Amino acid sequence: MTASNQITAPNIGPALAARQSEWASAVQADPTLLGDIAHAVGGPFHVIDPGRFAANLDAFRAALRAAGVQGRIYFGKKANKAGAWLDECARHDGGVDVASAPELVHALGHGVRGREIVVTGPAKSTELLWLAARHECLIAIDDLDELERLVDVGVAARILLRVLPPTGPNSRFGLDPEQLDRALERCVQVREHITMDGFSFHLDGYLPQPRADLANELIDRCLDARARGLAATAIDIGGGFACEYVDPEDWRRFQHDYSDEWFHAAKQFNRFYPYHQAPVGADMLTAVLERVGSRFVETGTRLLCEPGRALLDQAGFTVFPVQGCKARGEHFAVTVGGLSMSISEQWKGSEFLPDPLLWPAGDSAADDGPIAAFIGGSSCLEYDVLTWRKIAFERAPRYGDLIVYPNTAGYQMDKNESGFHQLPLPPKVRIHTRDGRYTWSIDSH
């Protein structure tokens, strides 16, 4: 990079510095660790912290205890495929939410008991229903036909009836009021073999009040069901627990001053995840319980929930090796080894906004200077872009440097990864401390 290529980053928006845990900052600050892993792996990789996952899980469980509410926290497994999270669920009395036979087998293989697993998702196969019933899993019934097929399996089963929420009448998930009445009638008829444990729902958005309102209505439903001879002991309020990625003032400035010119080729987006919000994580569960927890206690009803992203908050980051950097007008195009499918937000028509970091930091050559750059993947597709937003780097990334994406464990790491171009999937790396130094190993997904 010559002096003539130095720029003052025109049309670049405010920084969105990611909030990071002390663990992540310490790992990234080690002068050799990430470089050594990159050399051994030969491509992109994900770094995970099971300890942070366990702490998040314990915080959710503490929120239930503080409210005096009985229940269980199920990890929404679809948010990340690593086996390490399942190990922590088994160690810390956490459950797992699965939606396929392979996910169920994976959870069982890591020591999670069947009675600690809830099986969700629409139109489950008969094979999955049989396997779940055999292992005494809790099964969320989404359709009347599904209920009949479970009855025909001939194995005693525990179920929830998933309710179509009034705030989402066009959802393809859940039983509408007429279907719910029919399902309850059928549960009464088959209660010798099918235990109707209660109701479940999932709401879009991240507000506590709608969850508390619907839970309150379903507690009344539970009381009615008990009067008809059904167990109806629990309500599953689903997932959608919020996370906070950036500081509030940075997020406010980004939203207030937003411009398409901050993005390469003036790329336009219709929506972004709310990267700052409150309450988040276990505090959001506390906010729900402040509104409706007393009714759970008074009626002896258990609260179940299925956080995914929130249990993975600050539990990992993603690393891509730099393969090139070239000028594109007044800003630059950085190409990394790997694909944007390893940062899944792009494949939902949006963008993962917390600022990526250049590793190692500093190390500027005398003729180098700050630049603005977007970041693309190494495929032959024009739209294979990890970050369309122009990011300010203190120096130009060079071949062999690394780009670090912070806090990617929740839904970013592997939701959309594929072996396009026959590239191997990035491994997940666990960091260990031994004799005062870092070592690492590959997660055994």
Protein backbone atom coordinates (compact mmCIF):
# COMPACT_ATOMS: atom_id res chain seq x y z
CA MET A 1 0.00 0.00 0.00
CA THR A 2 1.71 3.23 -1.12
CA ALA A 3 1.29 6.74 0.25
CA SER A 4 -0.80 7.67 -2.80
CA ASN A 5 -3.40 5.15 -1.64
CA GLN A 6 -3.95 6.80 1.75
CA ILE A 7 -7.49 8.11 2.16
CA THR A 8 -9.68 9.90 4.65
CA ALA A 9 -12.60 7.47 4.35
CA PRO A 10 -15.41 9.44 2.64
CA ASN A 11 -19.05 8.48 3.26
CA ILE A 12 -18.24 6.24 6.18
CA GLY A 13 -20.66 5.97 9.08
CA PRO A 14 -20.06 5.90 12.81
CA ALA A 15 -18.16 3.05 14.39
CA LEU A 16 -20.20 0.24 15.94
CA ALA A 17 -17.61 -1.18 18.33
CA ALA A 18 -18.71 -4.59 19.57
CA ARG A 19 -19.16 -5.22 23.27
CA GLN A 20 -16.86 -8.10 24.16
CA SER A 21 -16.24 -10.27 27.21
CA GLU A 22 -12.94 -10.19 29.07
CA TRP A 23 -12.30 -13.72 27.80
CA ALA A 24 -12.70 -12.72 24.14
CA SER A 25 -10.54 -9.63 24.54
CA ALA A 26 -7.81 -11.63 26.30
CA VAL A 27 -7.76 -14.34 23.63
CA GLN A 28 -7.60 -11.75 20.84
CA ALA A 29 -4.83 -9.86 22.67
CA ASP A 30 -2.52 -12.89 22.79
CA PRO A 31 0.26 -12.07 20.29
CA THR A 32 0.44 -15.50 18.66
CA LEU A 33 -2.59 -17.65 19.50
CA LEU A 34 -4.97 -16.75 16.66
CA GLY A 35 -2.12 -16.78 14.16
CA ASP A 36 -1.06 -20.24 15.27
CA ILE A 37 -4.62 -21.56 14.96
CA ALA A 38 -5.00 -19.98 11.52
CA HIS A 39 -1.75 -21.60 10.37
CA ALA A 40 -2.88 -25.02 11.59
CA VAL A 41 -6.44 -24.77 10.28
CA GLY A 42 -5.55 -23.20 6.94
CA GLY A 43 -8.81 -21.26 6.65
CA PRO A 44 -11.53 -19.55 8.66
CA PHE A 45 -12.48 -20.84 12.09
CA HIS A 46 -14.84 -20.13 14.97
CA VAL A 47 -13.59 -19.71 18.55
CA ILE A 48 -16.05 -20.75 21.28
CA ASP A 49 -16.29 -20.32 25.04
CA PRO A 50 -18.43 -22.99 26.76
CA GLY A 51 -17.80 -21.29 30.12
CA ARG A 52 -19.68 -18.19 29.03
CA PHE A 53 -22.57 -20.35 27.80
CA ALA A 54 -22.73 -22.03 31.23
CA ALA A 55 -22.77 -18.63 32.95
CA ASN A 56 -25.63 -17.45 30.72
CA LEU A 57 -27.57 -20.63 31.44
CA ASP A 58 -27.06 -20.21 35.17
CA ALA A 59 -28.31 -16.61 34.93
CA PHE A 60 -31.57 -17.78 33.32
CA ARG A 61 -32.01 -20.46 35.97
CA ALA A 62 -31.33 -17.85 38.68
CA ALA A 63 -34.10 -15.65 37.25
CA LEU A 64 -36.58 -18.49 37.76
CA ARG A 65 -35.35 -19.13 41.30
CA ALA A 66 -35.54 -15.44 42.24
CA ALA A 67 -39.20 -15.37 41.19
CA GLY A 68 -39.97 -18.61 42.99
CA VAL A 69 -41.11 -20.17 39.71
CA GLN A 70 -40.46 -23.80 38.83
CA GLY A 71 -39.39 -24.54 35.28
CA ARG A 72 -36.66 -25.45 32.84
CA ILE A 73 -34.41 -23.60 30.40
CA TYR A 74 -34.07 -25.37 27.04
CA PHE A 75 -31.17 -24.34 24.80
CA GLY A 76 -32.45 -23.61 21.27
CA LYS A 77 -29.97 -25.93 19.54
CA LYS A 78 -30.56 -24.53 16.05
CA ALA A 79 -28.64 -21.40 17.08
CA ASN A 80 -25.29 -23.24 17.00
CA LYS A 81 -24.30 -26.83 16.20
CA ALA A 82 -21.28 -27.21 18.52
CA GLY A 83 -21.33 -30.14 20.88
CA ALA A 84 -19.72 -28.09 23.65
CA TRP A 85 -23.00 -26.35 24.49
CA LEU A 86 -24.70 -29.72 24.99
CA ASP A 87 -21.98 -30.78 27.42
CA GLU A 88 -22.70 -27.65 29.46
CA CYS A 89 -26.45 -28.34 29.41
CA ALA A 90 -25.79 -31.81 30.82
CA ARG A 91 -23.50 -30.39 33.53
CA HIS A 92 -25.71 -27.44 34.53
CA ASP A 93 -29.20 -28.96 34.52
CA GLY A 94 -30.14 -27.34 31.24
CA GLY A 95 -32.51 -28.75 28.67
CA VAL A 96 -32.21 -28.73 24.89
CA ASP A 97 -34.75 -27.73 22.22
CA VAL A 98 -34.40 -29.86 19.07
CA ALA A 99 -36.37 -30.09 15.83
CA SER A 100 -34.94 -33.11 14.03
CA ALA A 101 -33.86 -36.68 14.71
CA PRO A 102 -30.14 -35.88 14.20
CA GLU A 103 -30.40 -33.00 16.68
CA LEU A 104 -32.12 -35.29 19.17
CA VAL A 105 -29.46 -37.99 18.77
CA HIS A 106 -26.71 -35.38 19.11
CA ALA A 107 -28.17 -34.12 22.40
CA LEU A 108 -28.59 -37.63 23.78
CA GLY A 109 -25.02 -38.45 22.76
CA HIS A 110 -23.72 -35.58 24.89
CA GLY A 111 -25.47 -36.79 28.00
CA VAL A 112 -28.68 -34.77 27.91
CA ARG A 113 -31.50 -37.02 29.14
CA GLY A 114 -34.63 -37.45 27.07
CA ARG A 115 -36.80 -35.90 29.80
CA GLU A 116 -34.63 -32.76 29.51
CA ILE A 117 -35.33 -32.37 25.78
CA VAL A 118 -38.25 -30.62 24.09
CA VAL A 119 -38.96 -31.48 20.45
CA THR A 120 -40.35 -28.56 18.45
CA GLY A 121 -40.82 -27.68 14.80
CA PRO A 122 -43.73 -28.23 12.38
CA ALA A 123 -45.02 -31.49 10.88
CA LYS A 124 -42.58 -33.81 12.59
CA SER A 125 -41.91 -37.14 10.93
CA THR A 126 -43.42 -40.24 12.49
CA GLU A 127 -39.88 -41.52 13.03
CA LEU A 128 -39.01 -38.42 15.07
CA LEU A 129 -42.23 -38.72 17.09
CA TRP A 130 -41.42 -42.36 17.86
CA LEU A 131 -37.82 -41.63 18.88
CA ALA A 132 -38.86 -38.68 21.05
CA ALA A 133 -41.59 -40.68 22.77
CA ARG A 134 -39.22 -43.61 23.40
CA HIS A 135 -36.81 -41.26 25.19
CA GLU A 136 -39.58 -39.53 27.17
CA CYS A 137 -38.96 -36.17 25.51
CA LEU A 138 -41.52 -33.40 25.73
CA ILE A 139 -43.12 -32.99 22.29
CA ALA A 140 -44.67 -29.71 21.12
CA ILE A 141 -47.64 -30.68 18.95
CA ASP A 142 -48.16 -28.27 16.06
CA ASP A 143 -51.00 -29.95 14.13
CA LEU A 144 -53.97 -32.24 14.67
CA ASP A 145 -52.56 -34.79 12.23
CA GLU A 146 -49.31 -34.79 14.18
CA LEU A 147 -51.24 -35.58 17.34
CA GLU A 148 -53.01 -38.50 15.65
CA ARG A 149 -49.76 -39.91 14.31
CA LEU A 150 -48.25 -39.71 17.79
CA VAL A 151 -51.24 -41.61 19.19
CA ASP A 152 -50.78 -44.25 16.48
CA VAL A 153 -47.11 -44.70 17.43
CA GLY A 154 -48.40 -46.52 20.49
CA VAL A 155 -45.76 -45.23 22.92
CA ALA A 156 -46.66 -43.20 26.00
CA ALA A 157 -45.75 -39.57 25.37
CA ARG A 158 -45.63 -36.15 27.00
CA ILE A 159 -46.85 -33.24 24.91
CA LEU A 160 -47.46 -29.52 24.77
CA LEU A 161 -50.03 -27.99 22.43
CA ARG A 162 -48.49 -25.15 20.45
CA VAL A 163 -50.82 -22.17 20.23
CA LEU A 164 -51.17 -19.84 17.26
CA PRO A 165 -50.50 -16.44 18.89
CA PRO A 166 -53.15 -13.75 18.42
CA THR A 167 -50.38 -11.31 17.48
CA GLY A 168 -49.36 -13.57 14.55
CA PRO A 169 -52.58 -14.85 12.95
CA ASN A 170 -50.83 -15.54 9.63
CA SER A 171 -48.12 -17.73 11.12
CA ARG A 172 -47.89 -21.26 9.76
CA PHE A 173 -47.09 -22.51 13.27
CA GLY A 174 -49.49 -23.46 16.03
CA LEU A 175 -53.12 -24.44 16.52
CA ASP A 176 -55.85 -21.85 15.97
CA PRO A 177 -58.66 -21.64 18.58
CA GLU A 178 -60.89 -24.19 16.84
CA GLN A 179 -57.99 -26.62 16.30
CA LEU A 180 -56.88 -26.14 19.90
CA ASP A 181 -60.32 -27.06 21.21
CA ARG A 182 -60.33 -30.21 19.09
CA ALA A 183 -56.82 -31.11 20.25
CA LEU A 184 -57.82 -30.71 23.90
CA GLU A 185 -60.86 -32.94 23.37
CA ARG A 186 -58.63 -35.58 21.77
CA CYS A 187 -56.14 -35.33 24.66
CA VAL A 188 -58.96 -36.07 27.09
CA GLN A 189 -59.86 -39.17 25.09
CA VAL A 190 -56.29 -40.53 25.01
CA ARG A 191 -55.05 -39.33 28.41
CA GLU A 192 -54.21 -42.90 29.45
CA HIS A 193 -51.32 -42.80 26.95
CA ILE A 194 -50.72 -39.13 26.14
CA THR A 195 -49.90 -36.70 28.95
CA MET A 196 -50.89 -33.16 27.98
CA ASP A 197 -48.31 -31.17 29.96
CA GLY A 198 -49.53 -27.75 28.88
CA PHE A 199 -49.16 -25.18 26.10
CA SER A 200 -46.38 -23.52 24.14
CA PHE A 201 -46.00 -20.50 21.91
CA HIS A 202 -43.37 -18.40 20.16
CA LEU A 203 -43.64 -14.66 19.55
CA ASP A 204 -41.67 -12.49 17.14
CA GLY A 205 -40.03 -9.38 18.56
CA TYR A 206 -38.28 -8.89 21.87
CA LEU A 207 -40.83 -7.29 24.20
CA PRO A 208 -41.57 -8.86 27.60
CA GLN A 209 -45.18 -7.66 27.90
CA PRO A 210 -46.72 -9.66 25.00
CA ARG A 211 -45.08 -12.82 26.34
CA ALA A 212 -46.43 -12.15 29.81
CA ASP A 213 -49.91 -11.42 28.43
CA LEU A 214 -50.15 -14.63 26.42
CA ALA A 215 -48.67 -16.69 29.25
CA ASN A 216 -51.31 -15.27 31.57
CA GLU A 217 -54.08 -16.31 29.16
CA LEU A 218 -52.64 -19.79 28.85
CA ILE A 219 -52.48 -20.21 32.61
CA ASP A 220 -56.27 -19.89 32.51
CA ARG A 221 -56.28 -22.51 29.76
CA CYS A 222 -54.20 -24.80 31.98
CA LEU A 223 -56.70 -24.45 34.81
CA ASP A 224 -59.56 -25.35 32.46
CA ALA A 225 -57.61 -28.33 31.12
CA ARG A 226 -56.92 -29.58 34.65
CA ALA A 227 -60.65 -29.47 35.35
CA ARG A 228 -61.05 -31.84 32.39
CA GLY A 229 -58.59 -34.35 33.84
CA LEU A 230 -55.43 -33.26 31.99
CA ALA A 231 -52.09 -32.57 33.67
CA ALA A 232 -51.55 -29.12 32.10
CA THR A 233 -48.68 -28.23 34.43
CA ALA A 234 -46.50 -26.03 32.18
CA ILE A 235 -46.34 -23.18 29.69
CA ASP A 236 -43.44 -22.85 27.26
CA ILE A 237 -42.97 -19.18 26.29
CA GLY A 238 -40.51 -20.02 23.50
CA GLY A 239 -37.38 -18.11 22.60
CA GLY A 240 -36.65 -14.65 21.22
CA PHE A 241 -34.64 -13.40 24.20
CA ALA A 242 -32.82 -10.25 23.20
CA CYS A 243 -29.07 -9.57 23.07
CA GLU A 244 -27.08 -6.35 23.15
CA TYR A 245 -24.11 -6.15 20.78
CA VAL A 246 -23.12 -2.46 20.81
CA ASP A 247 -23.38 0.53 23.15
CA PRO A 248 -26.62 2.53 23.12
CA GLU A 249 -25.14 5.83 21.96
CA ASP A 250 -23.38 4.19 18.99
CA TRP A 251 -26.61 2.46 17.98
CA ARG A 252 -28.64 5.67 18.34
CA ARG A 253 -26.17 7.57 16.16
CA PHE A 254 -26.18 4.83 13.53
CA GLN A 255 -29.97 4.85 13.30
CA HIS A 256 -30.32 8.64 13.38
CA ASP A 257 -27.69 9.43 10.72
CA TYR A 258 -28.15 6.33 8.55
CA SER A 259 -27.14 6.61 4.90
CA ASP A 260 -26.92 4.10 2.06
CA GLU A 261 -23.62 5.77 1.17
CA TRP A 262 -22.03 4.09 4.17
CA PHE A 263 -22.21 0.82 2.22
CA HIS A 264 -20.27 -0.35 -0.81
CA ALA A 265 -22.18 0.36 -4.03
CA ALA A 266 -24.81 2.14 -1.88
CA LYS A 267 -26.21 -1.26 -0.95
CA GLN A 268 -29.68 -0.93 0.56
CA PHE A 269 -31.11 -2.91 3.47
CA ASN A 270 -34.69 -2.94 4.73
CA ARG A 271 -34.03 -4.13 8.27
CA PHE A 272 -31.35 -4.89 10.83
CA TYR A 273 -31.37 -6.83 14.07
CA PRO A 274 -31.72 -4.31 16.95
CA TYR A 275 -28.08 -4.42 18.02
CA HIS A 276 -28.83 -2.41 21.13
CA GLN A 277 -31.96 -3.06 23.20
CA ALA A 278 -33.05 -3.62 26.78
CA PRO A 279 -33.81 -5.71 28.73
CA VAL A 280 -31.70 -8.56 27.37
CA GLY A 281 -30.91 -12.17 28.22
CA ALA A 282 -31.90 -13.33 31.68
CA ASP A 283 -33.00 -9.78 32.54
CA MET A 284 -35.67 -10.11 29.86
CA LEU A 285 -36.92 -13.30 31.51
CA THR A 286 -36.97 -11.42 34.82
CA ALA A 287 -39.08 -8.70 33.18
CA VAL A 288 -41.59 -11.34 32.01
CA LEU A 289 -41.70 -12.86 35.49
CA GLU A 290 -42.23 -9.46 37.12
CA ARG A 291 -45.46 -9.23 35.12
CA VAL A 292 -46.78 -12.78 35.41
CA GLY A 293 -44.54 -14.76 37.76
CA SER A 294 -46.97 -14.58 40.67
CA ARG A 295 -49.63 -16.37 38.64
CA PHE A 296 -47.21 -19.20 37.83
CA VAL A 297 -46.53 -19.55 41.55
CA GLU A 298 -50.17 -19.30 42.66
CA THR A 299 -51.37 -21.90 40.17
CA GLY A 300 -48.42 -24.29 40.50
CA THR A 301 -47.59 -23.85 36.81
CA ARG A 302 -44.05 -24.34 35.52
CA LEU A 303 -42.44 -21.91 33.08
CA LEU A 304 -40.39 -23.34 30.22
CA CYS A 305 -38.45 -21.31 27.67
CA GLU A 306 -36.09 -21.88 24.73
CA PRO A 307 -33.38 -19.20 24.47
CA GLY A 308 -30.80 -19.73 21.75
CA ARG A 309 -28.96 -16.53 20.90
CA ALA A 310 -29.17 -15.28 24.50
CA LEU A 311 -27.40 -18.36 25.90
CA LEU A 312 -24.66 -17.89 23.30
CA ASP A 313 -24.16 -14.17 23.95
CA GLN A 314 -20.42 -13.44 24.21
CA ALA A 315 -19.67 -17.16 23.86
CA GLY A 316 -17.62 -17.01 20.67
CA PHE A 317 -16.20 -15.11 17.71
CA THR A 318 -15.23 -15.88 14.12
CA VAL A 319 -11.86 -15.46 12.39
CA PHE A 320 -11.15 -15.14 8.64
CA PRO A 321 -7.68 -15.00 7.02
CA VAL A 322 -7.09 -12.05 4.70
CA GLN A 323 -6.32 -13.04 1.12
CA GLY A 324 -6.19 -9.64 -0.56
CA CYS A 325 -6.94 -5.90 -0.44
CA LYS A 326 -7.41 -3.70 -3.51
CA ALA A 327 -8.68 -0.19 -4.22
CA ARG A 328 -12.27 0.38 -5.32
CA GLY A 329 -12.47 4.12 -5.90
CA GLU A 330 -11.97 5.92 -2.61
CA HIS A 331 -12.38 2.79 -0.51
CA PHE A 332 -11.01 -0.74 -0.63
CA ALA A 333 -12.21 -4.30 -1.12
CA VAL A 334 -10.80 -6.83 1.32
CA THR A 335 -11.15 -10.51 0.37
CA VAL A 336 -10.97 -13.14 3.08
CA GLY A 337 -10.58 -16.88 2.91
CA GLY A 338 -14.01 -18.35 3.48
CA LEU A 339 -17.58 -17.44 2.60
CA SER A 340 -20.23 -15.02 3.82
CA MET A 341 -22.33 -18.09 4.63
CA SER A 342 -20.25 -18.26 7.83
CA ILE A 343 -21.75 -14.91 8.89
CA SER A 344 -25.37 -15.83 8.42
CA GLU A 345 -27.04 -12.42 8.66
CA GLN A 346 -26.18 -11.68 5.01
CA TRP A 347 -28.22 -14.67 3.94
CA LYS A 348 -31.29 -13.18 5.60
CA GLY A 349 -31.09 -10.03 3.46
CA SER A 350 -29.46 -8.07 6.28
CA GLU A 351 -25.99 -7.42 7.70
CA PHE A 352 -24.10 -8.29 10.88
CA LEU A 353 -23.23 -4.76 12.02
CA PRO A 354 -20.76 -4.92 14.95
CA ASP A 355 -17.39 -3.76 13.63
CA PRO A 356 -14.99 -6.52 12.58
CA LEU A 357 -11.45 -6.18 13.92
CA LEU A 358 -8.07 -6.42 12.18
CA TRP A 359 -5.58 -8.82 13.81
CA PRO A 360 -2.85 -8.15 14.64
CA ALA A 361 -3.75 -4.57 15.51
CA GLY A 362 -1.30 -1.79 14.74
CA ASP A 363 1.83 -2.93 12.92
CA SER A 364 1.51 -0.13 10.34
CA ALA A 365 4.17 0.24 7.71
CA ALA A 366 5.64 3.71 7.22
CA ASP A 367 3.77 4.21 3.93
CA ASP A 368 0.53 2.76 5.25
CA GLY A 369 -2.42 4.63 6.66
CA PRO A 370 -6.07 4.37 7.68
CA ILE A 371 -8.44 3.08 5.06
CA ALA A 372 -12.14 2.30 4.65
CA ALA A 373 -13.00 -1.13 3.27
CA PHE A 374 -15.81 -3.56 2.75
CA ILE A 375 -15.17 -7.29 3.16
CA GLY A 376 -15.97 -10.02 0.65
CA GLY A 377 -15.69 -13.78 0.62
CA SER A 378 -13.45 -15.84 -1.63
CA SER A 379 -16.15 -17.25 -3.93
CA CYS A 380 -16.84 -16.23 -7.52
CA LEU A 381 -20.19 -14.66 -6.53
CA GLU A 382 -20.55 -10.86 -6.57
CA TYR A 383 -22.94 -11.01 -3.62
CA ASP A 384 -20.61 -13.10 -1.45
CA VAL A 385 -19.95 -10.17 0.89
CA LEU A 386 -19.50 -10.46 4.64
CA THR A 387 -19.66 -6.72 5.32
CA TRP A 388 -21.03 -4.22 2.79
CA ARG A 389 -20.61 -1.36 5.26
CA LYS A 390 -17.35 0.51 4.85
CA ILE A 391 -15.24 -0.21 7.93
CA ALA A 392 -12.43 2.08 9.10
CA PHE A 393 -9.18 0.19 9.57
CA GLU A 394 -6.09 1.86 11.03
CA ARG A 395 -4.05 0.27 8.27
CA ALA A 396 -4.64 -1.73 5.13
CA PRO A 397 -5.20 -5.45 5.79
CA ARG A 398 -2.47 -7.58 4.23
CA TYR A 399 -2.26 -11.19 3.10
CA GLY A 400 -1.90 -13.35 6.20
CA ASP A 401 -3.64 -10.91 8.55
CA LEU A 402 -6.87 -11.99 10.22
CA ILE A 403 -10.31 -10.37 10.39
CA VAL A 404 -12.17 -11.08 13.63
CA TYR A 405 -15.96 -10.87 13.85
CA PRO A 406 -16.97 -10.52 17.52
CA ASN A 407 -19.84 -12.26 19.31
CA THR A 408 -20.96 -14.53 16.46
CA ALA A 409 -21.93 -17.69 18.38
CA GLY A 410 -25.66 -16.96 18.27
CA TYR A 411 -27.07 -17.77 14.81
CA GLN A 412 -24.07 -16.40 12.89
CA MET A 413 -21.48 -19.18 12.96
CA ASP A 414 -23.07 -22.09 11.17
CA LYS A 415 -26.73 -21.44 10.38
CA ASN A 416 -26.09 -21.19 6.63
CA GLU A 417 -22.64 -22.67 6.14
CA SER A 418 -22.13 -24.95 3.14
CA GLY A 419 -19.25 -26.56 1.30
CA PHE A 420 -19.58 -24.25 -1.74
CA HIS A 421 -16.49 -24.41 -3.98
CA GLN A 422 -15.72 -27.62 -2.03
CA LEU A 423 -14.33 -25.49 0.77
CA PRO A 424 -14.33 -27.25 4.16
CA LEU A 425 -16.63 -25.92 6.84
CA PRO A 426 -14.78 -23.77 9.39
CA PRO A 427 -13.99 -25.77 12.54
CA LYS A 428 -15.02 -24.64 16.00
CA VAL A 429 -12.03 -24.17 18.28
CA ARG A 430 -12.11 -24.43 22.07
CA ILE A 431 -9.50 -22.44 23.99
CA HIS A 432 -7.98 -23.96 27.13
CA THR A 433 -5.56 -22.61 29.74
CA ARG A 434 -2.72 -24.86 30.85
CA ASP A 435 0.31 -23.91 32.94
CA GLY A 436 -0.41 -20.22 32.44
CA ARG A 437 -0.68 -20.41 28.65
CA TYR A 438 -3.38 -20.96 26.06
CA THR A 439 -3.88 -24.25 24.23
CA TRP A 440 -6.70 -25.22 21.90
CA SER A 441 -8.68 -28.13 20.49
CA ILE A 442 -11.34 -28.72 17.85
CA ASP A 443 -14.95 -29.11 19.02
CA SER A 444 -16.29 -32.59 18.34
CA HIS A 445 -19.57 -31.68 16.60
